C-alpha atoms as a PDB file:
ATOM      1  CA  MET A   1      56.797 -30.354 -91.930  1.00  0.00           C
ATOM      2  CA  ALA A   2      56.083 -31.841 -95.331  1.00  0.00           C
ATOM      3  CA  GLU A   3      53.258 -34.228 -95.685  1.00  0.00           C
ATOM      4  CA  GLU A   4      54.132 -37.517 -97.381  1.00  0.00           C
ATOM      5  CA  ARG A   5      51.538 -38.996 -99.660  1.00  0.00           C
ATOM      6  CA  ILE A   6      51.764 -42.545-101.060  1.00  0.00           C
ATOM      7  CA  VAL A   7      49.398 -43.560-103.834  1.00  0.00           C
ATOM      8  CA  GLU A   8      49.221 -47.210-104.769  1.00  0.00           C
ATOM      9  CA  THR A   9      47.519 -48.330-107.930  1.00  0.00           C
ATOM     10  CA  PRO A  10      46.645 -51.951-108.200  1.00  0.00           C
ATOM     11  CA  SER A  11      48.363 -53.491-111.178  1.00  0.00           C
ATOM     12  CA  THR A  12      46.438 -55.967-113.221  1.00  0.00           C
ATOM     13  CA  HIS A  13      48.438 -58.615-114.935  1.00  0.00           C
ATOM     14  CA  THR A  14      46.881 -60.537-117.836  1.00  0.00           C
ATOM     15  CA  THR A  15      48.521 -63.658-119.213  1.00  0.00           C
ATOM     16  CA  VAL A  16      47.411 -64.892-122.624  1.00  0.00           C
ATOM     17  CA  ILE A  17      48.304 -68.460-123.544  1.00  0.00           C
ATOM     18  CA  GLU A  18      47.888 -69.402-127.182  1.00  0.00           C
ATOM     19  CA  ARG A  19      47.959 -73.027-128.096  1.00  0.00           C
ATOM     20  CA  GLN A  20      48.340 -74.161-131.642  1.00  0.00           C
ATOM     21  CA  SER A  21      47.468 -77.693-132.554  1.00  0.00           C
ATOM     22  CA  GLY A  22      49.983 -78.669-135.219  1.00  0.00           C
ATOM     23  CA  GLY A  23      50.106 -82.337-134.290  1.00  0.00           C
ATOM     24  CA  GLY A  24      47.192 -83.338-136.542  1.00  0.00           C
ATOM     25  CA  GLY A  25      48.818 -82.014-139.714  1.00  0.00           C
ATOM     26  CA  THR A  26      52.123 -83.630-138.861  1.00  0.00           C
ATOM     27  CA  LEU A  27      50.452 -86.969-138.239  1.00  0.00           C
ATOM     28  CA  ILE A  28      48.677 -86.847-141.599  1.00  0.00           C
ATOM     29  CA  ALA A  29      51.954 -85.974-143.351  1.00  0.00           C
ATOM     30  CA  VAL A  30      53.738 -88.933-141.728  1.00  0.00           C
ATOM     31  CA  VAL A  31      50.933 -91.334-142.678  1.00  0.00           C
ATOM     32  CA  LEU A  32      50.982 -90.083-146.281  1.00  0.00           C
ATOM     33  CA  LEU A  33      54.759 -90.437-146.458  1.00  0.00           C
ATOM     34  CA  ILE A  34      54.562 -94.026-145.233  1.00  0.00           C
ATOM     35  CA  ALA A  35      51.821 -94.789-147.776  1.00  0.00           C
ATOM     36  CA  VAL A  36      53.935 -93.356-150.606  1.00  0.00           C
ATOM     37  CA  LEU A  37      56.967 -95.394-149.535  1.00  0.00           C
ATOM     38  CA  ILE A  38      54.952 -98.623-149.370  1.00  0.00           C
ATOM     39  CA  GLY A  39      53.355 -97.898-152.750  1.00  0.00           C
ATOM     40  CA  GLY A  40      56.737 -97.166-154.330  1.00  0.00           C
ATOM     41  CA  TYR A  41      58.216-100.355-152.950  1.00  0.00           C
ATOM     42  CA  TYR A  42      55.247-102.350-154.267  1.00  0.00           C
ATOM     43  CA  LEU A  43      55.496-100.819-157.743  1.00  0.00           C
ATOM     44  CA  PHE A  44      59.257-101.315-157.981  1.00  0.00           C
ATOM     45  CA  SER A  45      59.054-104.912-156.799  1.00  0.00           C
ATOM     46  CA  ARG A  46      56.334-105.637-159.384  1.00  0.00           C
ATOM     47  CA  GLN A  47      58.474-104.020-162.067  1.00  0.00           C
ATOM     48  CA  GLY A  48      61.351-106.341-161.180  1.00  0.00           C
ATOM     49  CA  ALA A  49      59.057-109.358-161.415  1.00  0.00           C
ATOM     50  CA  GLN A  50      57.782-108.165-164.795  1.00  0.00           C
ATOM     51  CA  ASN A  51      61.350-107.730-166.044  1.00  0.00           C
ATOM     52  CA  SER A  52      62.141-111.290-164.960  1.00  0.00           C
ATOM     53  CA  LYS A  53      59.102-112.603-166.842  1.00  0.00           C
ATOM     54  CA  ASP A  54      60.074-110.632-169.935  1.00  0.00           C
ATOM     55  CA  ALA A  55      63.621-111.992-169.798  1.00  0.00           C
ATOM     56  CA  ALA A  56      62.329-115.570-169.481  1.00  0.00           C
ATOM     57  CA  ILE A  57      60.015-115.131-172.469  1.00  0.00           C
ATOM     58  CA  THR A  58      62.829-113.615-174.537  1.00  0.00           C
ATOM     59  CA  SER A  59      65.116-116.504-173.653  1.00  0.00           C
ATOM     60  CA  ALA A  60      62.443-119.057-174.556  1.00  0.00           C
ATOM     61  CA  ALA A  61      61.804-117.317-177.875  1.00  0.00           C
ATOM     62  CA  LYS A  62      65.519-117.400-178.683  1.00  0.00           C
ATOM     63  CA  SER A  63      65.624-121.116-177.859  1.00  0.00           C
ATOM     64  CA  VAL A  64      62.640-121.806-180.121  1.00  0.00           C
ATOM     65  CA  GLY A  65      64.261-119.761-182.876  1.00  0.00           C
ATOM     66  CA  SER A  66      67.496-121.714-182.498  1.00  0.00           C
ATOM     67  CA  ALA A  67      65.638-125.028-182.606  1.00  0.00           C
ATOM     68  CA  ALA A  68      63.744-123.913-185.721  1.00  0.00           C
ATOM     69  CA  ASP A  69      67.022-122.985-187.415  1.00  0.00           C
ATOM     70  CA  LYS A  70      68.465-126.411-186.594  1.00  0.00           C
ATOM     71  CA  ALA A  71      65.342-128.134-187.895  1.00  0.00           C
ATOM     72  CA  GLY A  72      65.491-126.064-191.084  1.00  0.00           C
ATOM     73  CA  ASP A  73      69.157-126.986-191.574  1.00  0.00           C
ATOM     74  CA  ALA A  74      68.340-130.674-191.064  1.00  0.00           C
ATOM     75  CA  VAL A  75      65.540-130.502-193.648  1.00  0.00           C
ATOM     76  CA  GLU A  76      67.855-128.847-196.153  1.00  0.00           C
ATOM     77  CA  LYS A  77      70.529-131.515-195.662  1.00  0.00           C
ATOM     78  CA  SER A  78      68.019-134.343-196.047  1.00  0.00           C
ATOM     79  CA  THR A  79      66.679-132.971-199.356  1.00  0.00           C
ATOM     80  CA  GLN A  80      70.091-132.589-200.915  1.00  0.00           C
END
């Protein structure tokens, strides 16, 4: 009769869990994006206000120029 031989080797199982912390970089990127958007909005809104001021000054200068022309015409008529 044949002899039966069973050999068992204990198997070792190793599990490696790697964790990467990418949340910090993402949070910084989001904060920087928000800061850039707020800064851009602030600069563009100030530019619009500056354009309005410039337009008002230009309009006032044209009005003064028109009044000066009328005054000059009146002086010329009175001296004739």
